[in-house]
Amino acid sequence: MYKRILVPLDGSALAEAALPHAESLAQQYGGYVILLRVVVSPYAIVAPDLVLAGTDVNQKQFVEQAGQYLQGVAGRLQARGIGTKSAICEGPVAEAILNHAKAENAELIVMSTHGRGGVSRWVYGSVADRVLQAAPCPILLIRVTGG
């Protein structure tokens, strides 16, 4: 049923809380896990219209670090017999997740959420909300408290 399971990761323990759920589903359905890391330049967040010298070099480092991170996560899953595929995308996080889910024909997106409400949700927004609104497939949201 769920052969292609997309798990967006940001390098945090919160995001990785979705992995055991994806792993279990992949084992149950004979599927594999697509690990996705979206790289967002901190310069794009602080000053999206400002072009800074050396940002290409810094962005390249972010992408390299993301690749190393995904290799480590993929290695842990593969050691437990789970097939993996990894990808790094750049751009706005929710849009990158949605685009990659479509490109990979993901059958399920498994991701974690803080479950924030009120002012915190208004200030930080919610990637999970944006993905939920436009996802091309079912989503399993893992609510993580703390962290």
N, C-alpha and C. Protein backbone atom coordinates (compact mmCIF):
# COMPACT_ATOMS: atom_id res chain seq x y z
N MET A 1 0.82 -1.19 0.00
CA MET A 1 0.00 0.00 0.00
C MET A 1 0.87 1.26 0.00
N TYR A 2 1.82 1.33 0.92
CA TYR A 2 2.71 2.49 0.99
C TYR A 2 4.12 2.03 0.67
N LYS A 3 4.48 2.06 -0.60
CA LYS A 3 5.80 1.59 -1.03
C LYS A 3 6.82 2.73 -1.03
N ARG A 4 6.39 3.94 -1.37
CA ARG A 4 7.29 5.09 -1.45
C ARG A 4 6.90 6.08 -0.36
N ILE A 5 7.70 6.09 0.71
CA ILE A 5 7.38 6.88 1.90
C ILE A 5 8.39 8.01 2.03
N LEU A 6 7.91 9.23 1.91
CA LEU A 6 8.76 10.42 1.99
C LEU A 6 8.85 10.92 3.42
N VAL A 7 10.08 11.12 3.90
CA VAL A 7 10.31 11.66 5.24
C VAL A 7 11.19 12.89 5.12
N PRO A 8 10.60 14.09 5.30
CA PRO A 8 11.42 15.31 5.30
C PRO A 8 12.17 15.42 6.63
N LEU A 9 13.45 15.72 6.55
CA LEU A 9 14.28 15.86 7.75
C LEU A 9 15.01 17.19 7.73
N ASP A 10 15.21 17.75 8.91
CA ASP A 10 15.96 19.01 9.00
C ASP A 10 17.20 18.88 9.88
N GLY A 11 17.52 17.66 10.27
CA GLY A 11 18.70 17.44 11.11
C GLY A 11 18.39 17.43 12.59
N SER A 12 17.15 17.66 12.96
CA SER A 12 16.80 17.73 14.38
C SER A 12 16.23 16.40 14.88
N ALA A 13 16.30 16.22 16.18
CA ALA A 13 15.69 15.05 16.80
C ALA A 13 14.18 15.07 16.60
N LEU A 14 13.60 16.25 16.59
CA LEU A 14 12.16 16.38 16.36
C LEU A 14 11.78 15.78 15.01
N ALA A 15 12.48 16.15 13.97
CA ALA A 15 12.17 15.63 12.63
C ALA A 15 12.41 14.13 12.57
N GLU A 16 13.46 13.66 13.22
CA GLU A 16 13.79 12.24 13.19
C GLU A 16 12.80 11.38 13.97
N ALA A 17 11.93 12.01 14.76
CA ALA A 17 10.90 11.25 15.47
C ALA A 17 9.94 10.57 14.49
N ALA A 18 9.91 11.03 13.26
CA ALA A 18 9.06 10.41 12.24
C ALA A 18 9.67 9.12 11.68
N LEU A 19 10.97 8.95 11.84
CA LEU A 19 11.65 7.81 11.22
C LEU A 19 11.16 6.44 11.68
N PRO A 20 10.96 6.19 12.98
CA PRO A 20 10.49 4.86 13.37
C PRO A 20 9.14 4.50 12.76
N HIS A 21 8.28 5.48 12.59
CA HIS A 21 6.97 5.25 11.98
C HIS A 21 7.12 4.90 10.49
N ALA A 22 7.96 5.65 9.81
CA ALA A 22 8.20 5.38 8.39
C ALA A 22 8.88 4.02 8.21
N GLU A 23 9.82 3.72 9.08
CA GLU A 23 10.53 2.45 9.02
C GLU A 23 9.55 1.28 9.20
N SER A 24 8.68 1.39 10.18
CA SER A 24 7.70 0.34 10.43
C SER A 24 6.78 0.13 9.23
N LEU A 25 6.31 1.21 8.64
CA LEU A 25 5.43 1.11 7.47
C LEU A 25 6.17 0.54 6.27
N ALA A 26 7.41 0.95 6.09
CA ALA A 26 8.20 0.41 4.98
C ALA A 26 8.39 -1.10 5.14
N GLN A 27 8.65 -1.55 6.35
CA GLN A 27 8.81 -2.98 6.60
C GLN A 27 7.49 -3.71 6.36
N GLN A 28 6.42 -3.13 6.86
CA GLN A 28 5.11 -3.77 6.75
C GLN A 28 4.66 -3.91 5.30
N TYR A 29 4.92 -2.89 4.48
CA TYR A 29 4.43 -2.89 3.11
C TYR A 29 5.50 -3.21 2.07
N GLY A 30 6.70 -3.55 2.51
CA GLY A 30 7.76 -3.86 1.56
C GLY A 30 8.19 -2.65 0.75
N GLY A 31 8.14 -1.49 1.38
CA GLY A 31 8.48 -0.25 0.69
C GLY A 31 9.85 0.27 1.04
N TYR A 32 10.09 1.50 0.66
CA TYR A 32 11.36 2.15 0.99
C TYR A 32 11.09 3.58 1.43
N VAL A 33 12.08 4.14 2.08
CA VAL A 33 11.97 5.49 2.64
C VAL A 33 12.77 6.46 1.80
N ILE A 34 12.12 7.53 1.40
CA ILE A 34 12.77 8.61 0.67
C ILE A 34 13.10 9.69 1.68
N LEU A 35 14.38 9.87 1.94
CA LEU A 35 14.82 10.88 2.90
C LEU A 35 15.04 12.19 2.15
N LEU A 36 14.43 13.25 2.65
CA LEU A 36 14.55 14.56 1.99
C LEU A 36 15.06 15.59 2.98
N ARG A 37 16.08 16.30 2.57
CA ARG A 37 16.61 17.42 3.37
C ARG A 37 16.48 18.66 2.51
N VAL A 38 15.73 19.63 3.01
CA VAL A 38 15.58 20.90 2.31
C VAL A 38 16.58 21.88 2.91
N VAL A 39 17.43 22.41 2.07
CA VAL A 39 18.45 23.36 2.52
C VAL A 39 17.97 24.77 2.23
N VAL A 40 17.90 25.55 3.29
CA VAL A 40 17.50 26.95 3.17
C VAL A 40 18.66 27.79 3.68
N SER A 41 19.15 28.66 2.84
CA SER A 41 20.23 29.54 3.25
C SER A 41 19.75 30.48 4.34
N PRO A 42 20.52 30.62 5.42
CA PRO A 42 20.11 31.57 6.46
C PRO A 42 20.03 33.00 5.92
N TYR A 43 20.77 33.26 4.85
CA TYR A 43 20.71 34.60 4.25
C TYR A 43 19.35 34.85 3.61
N ALA A 44 18.75 33.80 3.08
CA ALA A 44 17.43 33.94 2.46
C ALA A 44 16.37 34.27 3.51
N ILE A 45 16.59 33.81 4.74
CA ILE A 45 15.64 34.07 5.81
C ILE A 45 15.82 35.48 6.35
N VAL A 46 17.07 35.87 6.59
CA VAL A 46 17.36 37.16 7.19
C VAL A 46 17.13 38.30 6.20
N ALA A 47 17.64 38.15 4.99
CA ALA A 47 17.55 39.22 3.99
C ALA A 47 17.37 38.62 2.61
N PRO A 48 16.14 38.20 2.26
CA PRO A 48 15.93 37.48 1.01
C PRO A 48 16.29 38.28 -0.25
N ASP A 49 16.26 39.60 -0.19
CA ASP A 49 16.56 40.40 -1.37
C ASP A 49 18.01 40.89 -1.40
N LEU A 50 18.77 40.55 -0.39
CA LEU A 50 20.15 41.01 -0.29
C LEU A 50 21.09 39.96 -0.86
N VAL A 51 21.96 40.37 -1.77
CA VAL A 51 22.95 39.45 -2.33
C VAL A 51 24.26 39.69 -1.59
N LEU A 52 24.75 38.66 -0.94
CA LEU A 52 25.97 38.78 -0.14
C LEU A 52 27.12 38.04 -0.81
N ALA A 53 28.30 38.61 -0.73
CA ALA A 53 29.48 37.96 -1.28
C ALA A 53 29.74 36.68 -0.51
N GLY A 54 30.07 35.62 -1.22
CA GLY A 54 30.41 34.36 -0.57
C GLY A 54 29.23 33.48 -0.23
N THR A 55 28.02 33.89 -0.55
CA THR A 55 26.86 33.07 -0.18
C THR A 55 26.83 31.76 -0.96
N ASP A 56 27.35 31.74 -2.18
CA ASP A 56 27.38 30.50 -2.96
C ASP A 56 28.26 29.46 -2.27
N VAL A 57 29.39 29.93 -1.71
CA VAL A 57 30.31 29.03 -1.01
C VAL A 57 29.61 28.48 0.23
N ASN A 58 28.96 29.36 0.99
CA ASN A 58 28.26 28.92 2.19
C ASN A 58 27.13 27.95 1.85
N GLN A 59 26.38 28.24 0.80
CA GLN A 59 25.29 27.36 0.39
C GLN A 59 25.83 25.99 0.01
N LYS A 60 26.97 25.97 -0.67
CA LYS A 60 27.59 24.70 -1.04
C LYS A 60 27.94 23.89 0.21
N GLN A 61 28.42 24.57 1.25
CA GLN A 61 28.73 23.88 2.51
C GLN A 61 27.47 23.32 3.15
N PHE A 62 26.38 24.08 3.12
CA PHE A 62 25.12 23.60 3.68
C PHE A 62 24.67 22.34 2.95
N VAL A 63 24.79 22.34 1.63
CA VAL A 63 24.38 21.19 0.83
C VAL A 63 25.27 19.98 1.14
N GLU A 64 26.57 20.21 1.26
CA GLU A 64 27.49 19.11 1.59
C GLU A 64 27.18 18.52 2.96
N GLN A 65 26.91 19.38 3.94
CA GLN A 65 26.57 18.91 5.28
C GLN A 65 25.26 18.13 5.25
N ALA A 66 24.30 18.60 4.47
CA ALA A 66 23.02 17.90 4.34
C ALA A 66 23.23 16.51 3.75
N GLY A 67 24.11 16.42 2.77
CA GLY A 67 24.41 15.12 2.15
C GLY A 67 25.04 14.15 3.14
N GLN A 68 25.97 14.64 3.94
CA GLN A 68 26.60 13.79 4.95
C GLN A 68 25.58 13.33 5.99
N TYR A 69 24.71 14.25 6.39
CA TYR A 69 23.66 13.91 7.35
C TYR A 69 22.74 12.81 6.79
N LEU A 70 22.29 12.98 5.55
CA LEU A 70 21.40 11.99 4.95
C LEU A 70 22.08 10.64 4.78
N GLN A 71 23.38 10.64 4.47
CA GLN A 71 24.12 9.38 4.36
C GLN A 71 24.09 8.63 5.68
N GLY A 72 24.27 9.36 6.77
CA GLY A 72 24.25 8.74 8.10
C GLY A 72 22.89 8.15 8.43
N VAL A 73 21.83 8.90 8.17
CA VAL A 73 20.47 8.41 8.44
C VAL A 73 20.17 7.21 7.55
N ALA A 74 20.50 7.32 6.26
CA ALA A 74 20.25 6.22 5.34
C ALA A 74 21.01 4.96 5.77
N GLY A 75 22.23 5.14 6.22
CA GLY A 75 23.03 4.00 6.68
C GLY A 75 22.39 3.28 7.85
N ARG A 76 21.83 4.05 8.79
CA ARG A 76 21.16 3.43 9.95
C ARG A 76 19.93 2.62 9.50
N LEU A 77 19.16 3.20 8.57
CA LEU A 77 17.97 2.49 8.09
C LEU A 77 18.36 1.24 7.29
N GLN A 78 19.35 1.39 6.43
CA GLN A 78 19.79 0.25 5.61
C GLN A 78 20.33 -0.87 6.47
N ALA A 79 20.99 -0.53 7.57
CA ALA A 79 21.51 -1.56 8.48
C ALA A 79 20.38 -2.38 9.09
N ARG A 80 19.18 -1.81 9.12
CA ARG A 80 18.01 -2.52 9.64
C ARG A 80 17.15 -3.10 8.50
N GLY A 81 17.71 -3.11 7.29
CA GLY A 81 17.04 -3.74 6.16
C GLY A 81 16.01 -2.88 5.45
N ILE A 82 16.05 -1.59 5.68
CA ILE A 82 15.10 -0.68 5.03
C ILE A 82 15.77 -0.05 3.81
N GLY A 83 15.14 -0.15 2.66
CA GLY A 83 15.65 0.50 1.46
C GLY A 83 15.47 2.01 1.57
N THR A 84 16.42 2.75 1.06
CA THR A 84 16.34 4.21 1.14
C THR A 84 16.72 4.85 -0.18
N LYS A 85 16.29 6.06 -0.30
CA LYS A 85 16.67 6.94 -1.39
C LYS A 85 16.81 8.30 -0.72
N SER A 86 17.77 9.09 -1.12
CA SER A 86 17.99 10.39 -0.48
C SER A 86 17.99 11.50 -1.51
N ALA A 87 17.56 12.67 -1.08
CA ALA A 87 17.56 13.84 -1.96
C ALA A 87 17.75 15.10 -1.13
N ILE A 88 18.37 16.07 -1.76
CA ILE A 88 18.54 17.40 -1.16
C ILE A 88 17.89 18.39 -2.11
N CYS A 89 17.04 19.23 -1.56
CA CYS A 89 16.40 20.28 -2.35
C CYS A 89 16.70 21.63 -1.70
N GLU A 90 16.61 22.65 -2.50
CA GLU A 90 16.77 24.01 -1.98
C GLU A 90 15.47 24.76 -2.20
N GLY A 91 15.24 25.75 -1.36
CA GLY A 91 14.07 26.59 -1.55
C GLY A 91 13.18 26.62 -0.33
N PRO A 92 12.01 27.22 -0.47
CA PRO A 92 11.06 27.24 0.64
C PRO A 92 10.70 25.81 1.03
N VAL A 93 10.71 25.53 2.30
CA VAL A 93 10.61 24.15 2.79
C VAL A 93 9.33 23.44 2.35
N ALA A 94 8.19 24.01 2.65
CA ALA A 94 6.93 23.33 2.33
C ALA A 94 6.82 23.07 0.83
N GLU A 95 7.16 24.05 0.04
CA GLU A 95 7.06 23.90 -1.41
C GLU A 95 8.02 22.83 -1.91
N ALA A 96 9.21 22.78 -1.35
CA ALA A 96 10.19 21.77 -1.75
C ALA A 96 9.70 20.37 -1.40
N ILE A 97 9.09 20.22 -0.24
CA ILE A 97 8.56 18.91 0.17
C ILE A 97 7.45 18.49 -0.80
N LEU A 98 6.54 19.41 -1.07
CA LEU A 98 5.42 19.09 -1.98
C LEU A 98 5.91 18.74 -3.37
N ASN A 99 6.85 19.52 -3.89
CA ASN A 99 7.38 19.25 -5.22
C ASN A 99 8.09 17.90 -5.28
N HIS A 100 8.84 17.58 -4.24
CA HIS A 100 9.57 16.31 -4.24
C HIS A 100 8.60 15.14 -4.09
N ALA A 101 7.57 15.31 -3.29
CA ALA A 101 6.57 14.25 -3.15
C ALA A 101 5.93 13.94 -4.50
N LYS A 102 5.63 14.98 -5.25
CA LYS A 102 5.05 14.79 -6.58
C LYS A 102 6.06 14.13 -7.52
N ALA A 103 7.29 14.62 -7.53
CA ALA A 103 8.31 14.10 -8.43
C ALA A 103 8.61 12.62 -8.17
N GLU A 104 8.56 12.22 -6.91
CA GLU A 104 8.86 10.84 -6.54
C GLU A 104 7.63 9.95 -6.52
N ASN A 105 6.46 10.51 -6.81
CA ASN A 105 5.21 9.76 -6.69
C ASN A 105 5.07 9.14 -5.32
N ALA A 106 5.40 9.92 -4.30
CA ALA A 106 5.30 9.43 -2.92
C ALA A 106 3.88 8.99 -2.64
N GLU A 107 3.77 7.88 -1.94
CA GLU A 107 2.45 7.37 -1.58
C GLU A 107 2.06 7.76 -0.17
N LEU A 108 3.04 8.27 0.60
CA LEU A 108 2.79 8.71 1.97
C LEU A 108 3.92 9.66 2.37
N ILE A 109 3.55 10.71 3.07
CA ILE A 109 4.54 11.61 3.68
C ILE A 109 4.43 11.42 5.18
N VAL A 110 5.55 11.12 5.82
CA VAL A 110 5.58 10.96 7.27
C VAL A 110 6.48 12.07 7.80
N MET A 111 5.90 12.94 8.63
CA MET A 111 6.69 14.04 9.17
C MET A 111 6.23 14.39 10.56
N SER A 112 7.10 15.00 11.31
CA SER A 112 6.76 15.38 12.67
C SER A 112 6.36 16.85 12.73
N THR A 113 5.69 17.18 13.81
CA THR A 113 5.26 18.55 14.02
C THR A 113 5.35 18.86 15.51
N HIS A 114 5.60 20.13 15.81
CA HIS A 114 5.63 20.58 17.21
C HIS A 114 4.23 20.59 17.81
N GLY A 115 3.22 20.74 16.97
CA GLY A 115 1.87 20.88 17.49
C GLY A 115 1.66 22.22 18.17
N ARG A 116 2.36 23.24 17.68
CA ARG A 116 2.21 24.57 18.27
C ARG A 116 0.83 25.14 17.99
N GLY A 117 0.43 26.03 18.85
CA GLY A 117 -0.83 26.73 18.64
C GLY A 117 -0.67 28.20 18.99
N GLY A 118 -1.71 28.95 18.80
CA GLY A 118 -1.75 30.34 19.21
C GLY A 118 -0.69 31.20 18.56
N VAL A 119 -0.09 32.07 19.37
CA VAL A 119 0.88 33.04 18.89
C VAL A 119 2.12 32.36 18.30
N SER A 120 2.55 31.28 18.92
CA SER A 120 3.73 30.57 18.43
C SER A 120 3.52 30.09 17.00
N ARG A 121 2.33 29.55 16.73
CA ARG A 121 2.02 29.08 15.38
C ARG A 121 1.98 30.27 14.41
N TRP A 122 1.42 31.37 14.85
CA TRP A 122 1.32 32.56 14.00
C TRP A 122 2.69 33.10 13.68
N VAL A 123 3.58 33.14 14.66
CA VAL A 123 4.93 33.68 14.46
C VAL A 123 5.76 32.76 13.58
N TYR A 124 5.75 31.45 13.88
CA TYR A 124 6.62 30.51 13.19
C TYR A 124 5.99 29.90 11.95
N GLY A 125 4.67 29.95 11.88
CA GLY A 125 4.01 29.28 10.77
C GLY A 125 4.09 27.79 10.97
N SER A 126 3.63 27.05 10.04
CA SER A 126 3.72 25.61 10.18
C SER A 126 3.94 24.97 8.81
N VAL A 127 5.11 24.42 8.65
CA VAL A 127 5.42 23.69 7.42
C VAL A 127 4.43 22.53 7.28
N ALA A 128 4.16 21.86 8.40
CA ALA A 128 3.23 20.73 8.36
C ALA A 128 1.86 21.16 7.84
N ASP A 129 1.38 22.32 8.29
CA ASP A 129 0.09 22.82 7.82
C ASP A 129 0.10 23.06 6.32
N ARG A 130 1.16 23.69 5.84
CA ARG A 130 1.23 23.98 4.40
C ARG A 130 1.31 22.71 3.58
N VAL A 131 2.06 21.72 4.06
CA VAL A 131 2.16 20.45 3.35
C VAL A 131 0.81 19.75 3.39
N LEU A 132 0.17 19.76 4.54
CA LEU A 132 -1.13 19.11 4.70
C LEU A 132 -2.17 19.68 3.74
N GLN A 133 -2.13 20.98 3.53
CA GLN A 133 -3.10 21.64 2.66
C GLN A 133 -2.96 21.24 1.19
N ALA A 134 -1.76 20.91 0.76
CA ALA A 134 -1.54 20.71 -0.68
C ALA A 134 -0.90 19.38 -1.05
N ALA A 135 -0.79 18.47 -0.12
CA ALA A 135 -0.09 17.21 -0.39
C ALA A 135 -0.77 16.38 -1.47
N PRO A 136 0.03 15.75 -2.31
CA PRO A 136 -0.53 14.90 -3.37
C PRO A 136 -0.84 13.48 -2.91
N CYS A 137 -0.62 13.22 -1.61
CA CYS A 137 -0.81 11.87 -1.06
C CYS A 137 -1.16 11.99 0.42
N PRO A 138 -1.51 10.89 1.07
CA PRO A 138 -1.79 10.95 2.51
C PRO A 138 -0.56 11.39 3.30
N ILE A 139 -0.83 11.94 4.49
CA ILE A 139 0.23 12.39 5.38
C ILE A 139 0.02 11.78 6.75
N LEU A 140 1.10 11.31 7.35
CA LEU A 140 1.08 10.87 8.74
C LEU A 140 1.88 11.89 9.52
N LEU A 141 1.20 12.67 10.36
CA LEU A 141 1.87 13.67 11.19
C LEU A 141 2.14 13.08 12.56
N ILE A 142 3.37 13.17 12.99
CA ILE A 142 3.78 12.68 14.30
C ILE A 142 3.94 13.89 15.20
N ARG A 143 3.09 14.01 16.19
CA ARG A 143 3.18 15.15 17.11
C ARG A 143 4.22 14.84 18.17
N VAL A 144 5.18 15.73 18.27
CA VAL A 144 6.28 15.57 19.23
C VAL A 144 6.20 16.72 20.21
N THR A 145 6.16 16.38 21.49
CA THR A 145 6.14 17.42 22.51
C THR A 145 7.54 17.60 23.06
N GLY A 146 7.82 18.78 23.53
CA GLY A 146 9.16 19.08 24.03
C GLY A 146 10.07 19.39 22.85
N GLY A 147 11.39 19.44 23.10
CA GLY A 147 12.38 19.65 22.04
C GLY A 147 12.21 20.92 21.38
